[in-house]
Amino acid sequence: MTYQEHIRQVLGDFSQIASQKYMNGVREHGGHLWEKKGLIDFAIEEAVDQVIYLLTLKKQIEDSGVELGSRDEE
């Protein structure tokens, strides 16, 4: 797969997932975010969860013996 094909696939997948997530959110919560009690606290909790998931995934991949490398490597 070329880089161009890969980014098209990534963007297509993201567009489909984001569109569905958006429509589900509109149906479930409506559209006035400023009216949602505790929304910022919930969003912070979600951001923390994402970091925990990513750090856990990184550790599990490393523990499996797969070499991820570091961003300082070229």
Protein backbone atom coordinates (compact mmCIF):
# COMPACT_ATOMS: atom_id res chain seq x y z
CA MET A 1 0.00 0.00 0.00
CA THR A 2 1.37 3.43 -0.90
CA TYR A 3 1.35 6.35 1.54
CA GLN A 4 -1.37 7.99 -0.54
CA GLU A 5 -3.53 4.87 -0.44
CA HIS A 6 -2.95 4.54 3.28
CA ILE A 7 -3.97 8.13 4.09
CA ARG A 8 -7.07 7.76 1.90
CA GLN A 9 -7.99 4.64 3.86
CA VAL A 10 -7.32 6.33 7.21
CA LEU A 11 -9.34 9.42 6.27
CA GLY A 12 -12.18 7.31 4.90
CA ASP A 13 -12.29 5.18 8.06
CA PHE A 14 -12.13 8.29 10.27
CA SER A 15 -14.88 10.03 8.31
CA GLN A 16 -17.18 7.04 8.63
CA ILE A 17 -16.48 6.53 12.35
CA ALA A 18 -16.70 10.25 13.19
CA SER A 19 -19.93 10.72 11.23
CA GLN A 20 -21.60 7.80 12.99
CA LYS A 21 -20.34 8.92 16.40
CA TYR A 22 -21.58 12.46 15.73
CA MET A 23 -25.04 11.33 14.66
CA ASN A 24 -25.33 9.01 17.67
CA GLY A 25 -24.33 11.91 19.94
CA VAL A 26 -26.87 14.27 18.40
CA ARG A 27 -29.62 11.68 18.84
CA GLU A 28 -28.57 10.89 22.39
CA HIS A 29 -27.58 14.32 23.72
CA GLY A 30 -28.84 17.04 21.36
CA GLY A 31 -26.66 19.89 20.20
CA HIS A 32 -26.34 22.55 22.90
CA LEU A 33 -23.12 21.58 24.62
CA TRP A 34 -23.21 24.54 26.99
CA GLU A 35 -26.42 23.14 28.47
CA LYS A 36 -24.84 19.79 29.41
CA LYS A 37 -24.07 19.61 33.11
CA GLY A 38 -20.57 18.32 33.85
CA LEU A 39 -19.56 18.10 30.18
CA ILE A 40 -16.08 19.53 30.68
CA ASP A 41 -15.39 17.18 33.58
CA PHE A 42 -16.64 14.26 31.49
CA ALA A 43 -14.42 15.32 28.58
CA ILE A 44 -11.39 15.51 30.89
CA GLU A 45 -12.17 12.00 32.19
CA GLU A 46 -12.36 10.75 28.58
CA ALA A 47 -9.01 12.37 27.76
CA VAL A 48 -7.41 10.73 30.81
CA ASP A 49 -8.93 7.37 29.81
CA GLN A 50 -7.42 7.73 26.33
CA VAL A 51 -3.93 8.33 27.75
CA ILE A 52 -4.32 5.33 30.08
CA TYR A 53 -5.44 3.12 27.17
CA LEU A 54 -2.53 4.24 24.99
CA LEU A 55 0.09 3.81 27.72
CA THR A 56 -1.34 0.37 28.55
CA LEU A 57 -1.33 -0.64 24.89
CA LYS A 58 2.26 0.57 24.50
CA LYS A 59 3.35 -1.47 27.54
CA GLN A 60 1.51 -4.57 26.34
CA ILE A 61 3.10 -4.30 22.88
CA GLU A 62 6.54 -3.86 24.44
CA ASP A 63 5.93 -6.81 26.77
CA SER A 64 5.00 -8.94 23.74
CA GLY A 65 8.51 -8.42 22.37
CA VAL A 66 7.55 -6.13 19.49
CA GLU A 67 10.04 -3.28 19.08
CA LEU A 68 8.22 0.05 18.77
CA GLY A 69 11.29 2.28 18.69
CA SER A 70 11.21 5.82 20.00
CA ARG A 71 10.28 9.09 18.34
CA ASP A 72 13.90 10.26 18.79
CA GLU A 73 15.11 7.53 16.44
CA GLU A 74 15.48 8.34 12.77
